[in-house]
Amino acid sequence: MKPIRTVGIVGYGTYVPCYRIKLAEIERIWKGKTEAGTEENAVPGLDEDVTTMAIEAAHNALARAGVDGADVSAVWVGSGSKPYAVKPAATAVAEAIGAAPEVLSADFEFAFKAGTEAMQAAIALVSSGMARYALAIGSDVPQGAPGDDMEHNAAAGAAAILIGPEEEAVALVEGSVSYATDTPDIFRRSRQRHLEQGDRFTGEPAYFRHTQEASQRLLAELGRTASDYQMAVFHQPNPRFPQRAAKSLGFTTAQLKNGMVVNRIGNPYAASSLLGLAACLEVAGPNDRIFLVSYGSGAGSDAFSFIVTDQIAKRCDMCPSINDYIARREEIDYATYVRYTGRLHE
């Protein structure tokens, strides 16, 4: 799929809570539960949730783009852990950034690719000419049960991508492909608090089949190979999966380096791919190509190709970078983690 008219990313913003729990601390409580995939996970504070993190990321994206919230025609929030079952997070974000009341707003759901799903819609809306700017956000907090394997990789964070016209873009959208099937791997039933895993489906045929199919189809459509890209971002449920998927497609460890955010803060599910994209944009130069492929349980992947423009040199450094948020940390113990994540009410 290619945009009807050329559009791109005009602003990007991130947010990661300051609290961290070491995986060694989780292992102290739940000994031998799983292989450690990262060193620590970002944990939301008592006053933080999907909505508040999305607002922070949105403000940063607008500040970096130099765009007023009132000029944003659509605000879409992708998440698997929004605070209300019936009440959108997107309306609160739109209100907070000054986009309301004349604004399209909705929450997107598709497990871990809800953020890139929202970005697909934003690209389509701006490309059609119906809007000048559309804001897509991925935001999530940990959803794994205490002692579950997912507790070792689940983290909190948000990323916002502002889509706008070609002449303002720091990175142009060259094309995208989505690939989806009914493949059960990770799910959560209505009124169930925690995610469940269909373990034998999680890698194959879920994650690897969908990321590879979407990637291969996009590369074929654009007539490209992995060597045409300077950076690559894959959904990061752990450090191993994206490395294996990337290698199978011909991408190198060097190409993955900038987008592997999960190695430092854990995996904020719906924001994972978008955080990696933002991390790449923070170090990219003109004419760099960035390859992005997300993954969402259930299951599906969105693959994108971006080319960085000369506008990247004008990016605003006034708002915090993802590395600023990663460096801003306060370590907590498991008891505090249980309190902050509401597990005392289990």
Protein backbone atom coordinates (compact mmCIF):
# COMPACT_ATOMS: atom_id res chain seq x y z
CA MET A 1 0.00 0.00 0.00
CA LYS A 2 1.28 3.44 -0.90
CA PRO A 3 -0.20 6.81 0.16
CA ILE A 4 -2.32 8.55 -2.48
CA ARG A 5 -0.13 11.60 -2.00
CA THR A 6 3.22 11.69 -0.21
CA VAL A 7 3.01 12.25 3.54
CA GLY A 8 5.33 11.59 6.42
CA ILE A 9 6.27 11.96 10.07
CA VAL A 10 6.44 15.63 11.03
CA GLY A 11 6.85 15.07 14.77
CA TYR A 12 7.52 12.28 17.23
CA GLY A 13 7.50 12.10 21.01
CA THR A 14 8.03 9.51 23.71
CA TYR A 15 7.44 9.00 27.39
CA VAL A 16 8.85 6.41 29.81
CA PRO A 17 8.10 6.44 33.57
CA CYS A 18 11.09 6.92 35.88
CA TYR A 19 10.48 3.87 38.06
CA ARG A 20 12.42 0.67 37.29
CA ILE A 21 12.32 -2.86 38.63
CA LYS A 22 15.32 -5.09 38.02
CA LEU A 23 14.61 -8.54 36.64
CA ALA A 24 16.88 -9.86 39.37
CA GLU A 25 14.36 -8.49 41.88
CA ILE A 26 11.48 -10.28 40.12
CA GLU A 27 13.56 -13.47 40.12
CA ARG A 28 14.12 -13.04 43.86
CA ILE A 29 10.38 -13.47 44.37
CA TRP A 30 9.57 -15.90 41.54
CA LYS A 31 12.69 -18.03 41.36
CA GLY A 32 13.46 -19.76 38.08
CA LYS A 33 10.25 -18.63 36.36
CA THR A 34 11.79 -17.68 33.03
CA GLU A 35 14.93 -16.70 31.18
CA ALA A 36 15.73 -13.06 31.80
CA GLY A 37 15.28 -11.12 28.57
CA THR A 38 16.37 -7.66 29.70
CA GLU A 39 17.89 -6.00 32.75
CA GLU A 40 14.99 -3.93 34.04
CA ASN A 41 11.44 -2.84 33.26
CA ALA A 42 9.85 0.62 33.38
CA VAL A 43 6.98 0.77 35.89
CA PRO A 44 4.13 3.34 35.94
CA GLY A 45 3.80 5.48 39.06
CA LEU A 46 0.63 5.67 41.15
CA ASP A 47 -0.57 8.65 39.09
CA GLU A 48 0.34 7.21 35.68
CA ASP A 49 -1.63 5.14 33.19
CA VAL A 50 -2.10 4.74 29.44
CA THR A 51 -3.82 8.13 29.14
CA THR A 52 -1.33 10.21 31.12
CA MET A 53 1.63 8.66 29.29
CA ALA A 54 -0.07 9.22 25.92
CA ILE A 55 -0.59 12.89 26.81
CA GLU A 56 3.10 13.35 27.65
CA ALA A 57 4.21 11.68 24.41
CA ALA A 58 1.70 13.74 22.41
CA HIS A 59 2.95 17.03 23.87
CA ASN A 60 6.51 16.06 22.97
CA ALA A 61 5.54 15.15 19.40
CA LEU A 62 3.76 18.48 18.89
CA ALA A 63 6.64 20.45 20.44
CA ARG A 64 9.18 18.70 18.22
CA ALA A 65 7.06 19.44 15.13
CA GLY A 66 6.22 23.01 16.12
CA VAL A 67 2.52 22.26 15.53
CA ASP A 68 -0.36 23.58 17.65
CA GLY A 69 -2.74 20.98 19.04
CA ALA A 70 -5.70 22.90 17.61
CA ASP A 71 -4.45 22.07 14.12
CA VAL A 72 -4.59 18.30 14.70
CA SER A 73 -7.67 16.77 13.06
CA ALA A 74 -7.40 13.23 14.50
CA VAL A 75 -6.10 11.73 17.74
CA TRP A 76 -5.94 7.94 17.86
CA VAL A 77 -4.59 5.95 20.79
CA GLY A 78 -3.59 2.31 20.40
CA SER A 79 -3.42 0.27 23.61
CA GLY A 80 -4.21 -3.09 25.15
CA SER A 81 -4.40 -1.74 28.70
CA LYS A 82 -6.44 1.47 28.65
CA PRO A 83 -7.86 2.47 32.04
CA TYR A 84 -11.54 2.28 31.03
CA ALA A 85 -13.35 -0.59 29.34
CA VAL A 86 -15.95 1.87 28.05
CA LYS A 87 -14.53 5.38 27.63
CA PRO A 88 -11.81 6.29 25.16
CA ALA A 89 -8.39 7.47 26.19
CA ALA A 90 -8.17 9.42 22.93
CA THR A 91 -10.75 12.04 23.95
CA ALA A 92 -8.76 12.89 27.08
CA VAL A 93 -5.58 13.20 25.01
CA ALA A 94 -7.33 15.39 22.43
CA GLU A 95 -8.66 17.64 25.20
CA ALA A 96 -5.25 17.88 26.90
CA ILE A 97 -3.39 18.95 23.74
CA GLY A 98 -6.09 21.42 22.63
CA ALA A 99 -7.36 19.43 19.65
CA ALA A 100 -10.94 19.08 20.97
CA PRO A 101 -13.78 19.51 20.24
CA GLU A 102 -13.61 19.43 16.43
CA VAL A 103 -11.51 16.30 16.19
CA LEU A 104 -11.69 12.65 15.21
CA SER A 105 -10.79 10.57 18.26
CA ALA A 106 -10.88 6.86 18.96
CA ASP A 107 -9.00 4.06 20.67
CA PHE A 108 -7.46 1.31 18.55
CA GLU A 109 -7.07 -2.30 19.61
CA PHE A 110 -5.00 -5.06 18.07
CA ALA A 111 -2.89 -6.20 20.99
CA PHE A 112 0.73 -5.14 20.50
CA LYS A 113 0.31 -3.52 17.08
CA ALA A 114 -2.45 -1.13 18.12
CA GLY A 115 -0.02 1.79 17.84
CA THR A 116 1.06 1.03 14.27
CA GLU A 117 -2.56 0.32 13.34
CA ALA A 118 -3.36 3.88 14.48
CA MET A 119 -0.41 5.14 12.41
CA GLN A 120 -1.76 3.35 9.31
CA ALA A 121 -5.06 5.17 9.77
CA ALA A 122 -3.32 8.52 10.31
CA ILE A 123 -1.29 8.08 7.12
CA ALA A 124 -4.43 7.26 5.15
CA LEU A 125 -6.37 10.24 6.54
CA VAL A 126 -3.64 12.79 5.79
CA SER A 127 -2.85 11.23 2.41
CA SER A 128 -6.52 11.48 1.40
CA GLY A 129 -6.50 15.23 1.99
CA MET A 130 -9.14 15.07 4.73
CA ALA A 131 -6.65 16.32 7.35
CA ARG A 132 -3.34 18.17 7.51
CA TYR A 133 -2.22 16.51 10.73
CA ALA A 134 -3.21 13.28 12.46
CA LEU A 135 -1.72 11.95 15.69
CA ALA A 136 -1.14 8.23 16.31
CA ILE A 137 -0.12 7.03 19.77
CA GLY A 138 0.88 3.68 21.24
CA SER A 139 0.70 3.46 25.02
CA ASP A 140 0.72 0.51 27.42
CA VAL A 141 1.35 -0.63 30.99
CA PRO A 142 2.32 -4.15 32.20
CA GLN A 143 -0.40 -6.80 31.84
CA GLY A 144 1.29 -10.07 32.80
CA ALA A 145 0.13 -11.91 35.93
CA PRO A 146 2.44 -11.97 38.98
CA GLY A 147 5.04 -14.68 38.43
CA ASP A 148 4.10 -15.14 34.76
CA ASP A 149 6.77 -15.21 32.05
CA MET A 150 5.44 -11.93 30.64
CA GLU A 151 6.12 -10.13 33.91
CA HIS A 152 9.82 -10.36 33.06
CA ASN A 153 9.46 -8.34 29.83
CA ALA A 154 6.32 -6.22 30.26
CA ALA A 155 6.96 -2.53 30.86
CA ALA A 156 5.30 0.88 30.61
CA GLY A 157 5.79 3.60 28.02
CA ALA A 158 4.25 5.62 25.20
CA ALA A 159 5.20 6.96 21.79
CA ALA A 160 3.36 9.48 19.61
CA ILE A 161 3.81 9.95 15.85
CA LEU A 162 2.42 13.06 14.16
CA ILE A 163 1.66 12.50 10.46
CA GLY A 164 1.56 15.51 8.17
CA PRO A 165 2.37 16.93 4.72
CA GLU A 166 5.45 16.08 2.68
CA GLU A 167 7.08 19.50 2.91
CA GLU A 168 7.20 19.36 6.74
CA ALA A 169 8.16 15.71 7.14
CA VAL A 170 11.35 14.51 8.80
CA ALA A 171 10.68 11.07 7.31
CA LEU A 172 8.49 10.21 4.33
CA VAL A 173 6.28 7.11 4.15
CA GLU A 174 7.39 5.07 1.15
CA GLY A 175 4.88 2.26 1.59
CA SER A 176 3.37 -0.24 3.99
CA VAL A 177 1.93 -3.76 4.08
CA SER A 178 -0.34 -5.37 6.66
CA TYR A 179 -0.62 -9.13 7.12
CA ALA A 180 -3.19 -10.68 9.49
CA THR A 181 -4.65 -14.13 10.24
CA ASP A 182 -6.73 -15.69 13.00
CA THR A 183 -3.85 -17.18 14.98
CA PRO A 184 -4.39 -17.45 18.77
CA ASP A 185 -1.26 -16.89 20.81
CA ILE A 186 -1.68 -14.27 23.55
CA PHE A 187 -5.17 -13.19 24.60
CA ARG A 188 -7.30 -11.80 27.42
CA ARG A 189 -10.97 -12.55 27.84
CA SER A 190 -13.57 -9.98 28.87
CA ARG A 191 -13.27 -9.10 32.59
CA GLN A 192 -9.98 -10.95 32.83
CA ARG A 193 -7.20 -8.78 34.28
CA HIS A 194 -4.14 -10.52 32.89
CA LEU A 195 -2.97 -11.77 29.53
CA GLU A 196 -2.75 -15.50 28.83
CA GLN A 197 -0.35 -17.22 26.47
CA GLY A 198 -1.00 -19.97 23.99
CA ASP A 199 2.66 -20.92 24.36
CA ARG A 200 3.01 -23.26 21.41
CA PHE A 201 1.74 -20.59 18.99
CA THR A 202 3.68 -17.60 20.35
CA GLY A 203 6.81 -17.86 18.19
CA GLU A 204 5.59 -20.02 15.32
CA PRO A 205 3.23 -19.52 13.60
CA ALA A 206 2.41 -16.24 15.35
CA TYR A 207 5.29 -13.76 15.70
CA PHE A 208 7.70 -15.09 13.09
CA ARG A 209 5.21 -15.94 10.35
CA HIS A 210 3.48 -12.55 10.50
CA THR A 211 6.57 -10.35 10.80
CA GLN A 212 8.29 -12.24 7.97
CA GLU A 213 5.28 -12.25 5.64
CA ALA A 214 4.58 -8.53 6.09
CA SER A 215 8.27 -7.70 5.68
CA GLN A 216 8.85 -9.85 2.62
CA ARG A 217 5.75 -8.51 0.87
CA LEU A 218 6.72 -4.89 1.52
CA LEU A 219 10.29 -5.40 0.34
CA ALA A 220 9.00 -7.10 -2.82
CA GLU A 221 6.47 -4.33 -3.45
CA LEU A 222 9.15 -1.65 -3.15
CA GLY A 223 11.82 -3.66 -4.98
CA ARG A 224 14.17 -3.47 -2.01
CA THR A 225 16.33 -5.73 0.14
CA ALA A 226 17.44 -5.45 3.76
CA SER A 227 20.76 -3.94 2.64
CA ASP A 228 18.93 -0.82 1.39
CA TYR A 229 18.15 0.20 5.00
CA GLN A 230 20.35 1.85 7.58
CA MET A 231 18.07 0.98 10.52
CA ALA A 232 15.41 -1.60 11.29
CA VAL A 233 12.82 -1.90 14.05
CA PHE A 234 10.86 -5.01 15.00
CA HIS A 235 8.30 -5.56 17.74
CA GLN A 236 10.24 -6.56 20.85
CA PRO A 237 8.47 -9.05 23.16
CA ASN A 238 12.01 -9.99 24.24
CA PRO A 239 15.50 -9.37 22.81
CA ARG A 240 15.68 -12.74 21.03
CA PHE A 241 12.61 -12.65 18.78
CA PRO A 242 13.45 -9.45 16.83
CA GLN A 243 17.04 -10.55 16.33
CA ARG A 244 15.96 -13.89 14.89
CA ALA A 245 13.27 -12.33 12.67
CA ALA A 246 15.67 -9.66 11.42
CA LYS A 247 18.40 -12.18 10.65
CA SER A 248 16.00 -14.34 8.62
CA LEU A 249 15.25 -11.30 6.42
CA GLY A 250 18.88 -10.30 5.96
CA PHE A 251 19.06 -7.45 8.48
CA THR A 252 22.18 -7.16 10.63
CA THR A 253 22.69 -6.56 14.33
CA ALA A 254 24.08 -3.11 13.47
CA GLN A 255 20.85 -2.16 11.69
CA LEU A 256 18.81 -3.20 14.75
CA LYS A 257 20.98 -1.44 17.34
CA ASN A 258 19.14 1.90 17.57
CA GLY A 259 15.66 0.41 17.63
CA MET A 260 16.16 -2.20 20.37
CA VAL A 261 14.57 -0.18 23.17
CA VAL A 262 13.39 -3.32 25.01
CA ASN A 263 16.99 -4.08 25.99
CA ARG A 264 16.95 -0.99 28.19
CA ILE A 265 13.43 -0.48 29.57
CA GLY A 266 11.44 -3.65 28.84
CA ASN A 267 8.52 -3.98 26.44
CA PRO A 268 5.68 -1.41 26.50
CA TYR A 269 3.55 -3.60 24.22
CA ALA A 270 1.58 -1.23 21.96
CA ALA A 271 4.39 1.33 22.07
CA SER A 272 7.30 -1.08 21.46
CA SER A 273 7.67 -0.57 17.70
CA LEU A 274 6.94 3.16 17.82
CA LEU A 275 9.47 3.72 20.61
CA GLY A 276 12.05 1.96 18.45
CA LEU A 277 11.10 4.17 15.50
CA ALA A 278 11.47 7.32 17.62
CA ALA A 279 14.87 6.12 18.86
CA CYS A 280 15.99 5.70 15.24
CA LEU A 281 14.72 9.14 14.22
CA GLU A 282 16.71 10.73 17.04
CA VAL A 283 19.99 9.62 15.43
CA ALA A 284 19.04 9.38 11.73
CA GLY A 285 20.51 11.54 9.01
CA PRO A 286 19.10 12.72 5.66
CA ASN A 287 18.42 9.91 3.16
CA ASP A 288 18.64 7.18 5.79
CA ARG A 289 16.02 4.48 5.28
CA ILE A 290 14.21 2.96 8.27
CA PHE A 291 12.35 -0.35 8.12
CA LEU A 292 9.65 -0.98 10.73
CA VAL A 293 7.53 -4.06 11.37
CA SER A 294 5.18 -4.43 14.32
CA TYR A 295 3.39 -7.48 15.65
CA GLY A 296 0.06 -7.91 17.42
CA SER A 297 -1.27 -11.10 18.94
CA GLY A 298 -4.37 -12.49 17.35
CA ALA A 299 -2.46 -12.04 14.96
CA GLY A 300 -1.01 -9.49 12.55
CA SER A 301 1.92 -7.31 11.51
CA ASP A 302 2.26 -3.87 9.91
CA ALA A 303 5.44 -3.23 7.92
CA PHE A 304 6.58 0.29 6.90
CA SER A 305 9.38 1.84 4.92
CA PHE A 306 10.50 5.41 5.70
CA ILE A 307 13.12 7.65 4.13
CA VAL A 308 14.56 10.47 6.23
CA THR A 309 14.51 13.98 4.74
CA ASP A 310 16.66 17.10 5.12
CA GLN A 311 14.06 18.38 7.61
CA ILE A 312 15.57 16.03 10.21
CA ALA A 313 18.34 18.60 10.74
CA LYS A 314 15.72 21.02 12.06
CA ARG A 315 14.35 18.64 14.70
CA CYS A 316 13.74 20.35 18.00
CA ASP A 317 15.89 19.16 20.89
CA MET A 318 13.94 21.13 23.49
CA CYS A 319 11.76 18.18 24.52
CA PRO A 320 13.15 15.04 26.19
CA SER A 321 14.60 12.29 24.02
CA ILE A 322 13.98 8.62 24.71
CA ASN A 323 17.53 8.40 26.05
CA ASP A 324 16.72 11.21 28.48
CA TYR A 325 13.76 9.19 29.75
CA ILE A 326 15.83 6.01 29.99
CA ALA A 327 18.53 7.81 32.00
CA ARG A 328 15.93 9.29 34.37
CA ARG A 329 15.37 6.29 36.63
CA GLU A 330 14.53 5.35 40.20
CA GLU A 331 14.90 1.73 41.20
CA ILE A 332 12.11 0.13 43.26
CA ASP A 333 11.68 -3.22 45.00
CA TYR A 334 9.01 -5.84 44.27
CA ALA A 335 6.73 -4.66 47.10
CA THR A 336 6.68 -1.13 45.69
CA TYR A 337 6.17 -2.51 42.19
CA VAL A 338 3.15 -4.50 43.43
CA ARG A 339 1.71 -1.35 44.99
CA TYR A 340 2.30 0.87 41.97
CA THR A 341 0.82 -1.61 39.49
CA GLY A 342 -2.30 -2.29 41.58
CA ARG A 343 -1.46 -5.92 42.29
CA LEU A 344 -2.46 -5.54 45.93
CA HIS A 345 -6.04 -5.84 44.67
CA GLU A 346 -5.53 -9.17 42.90
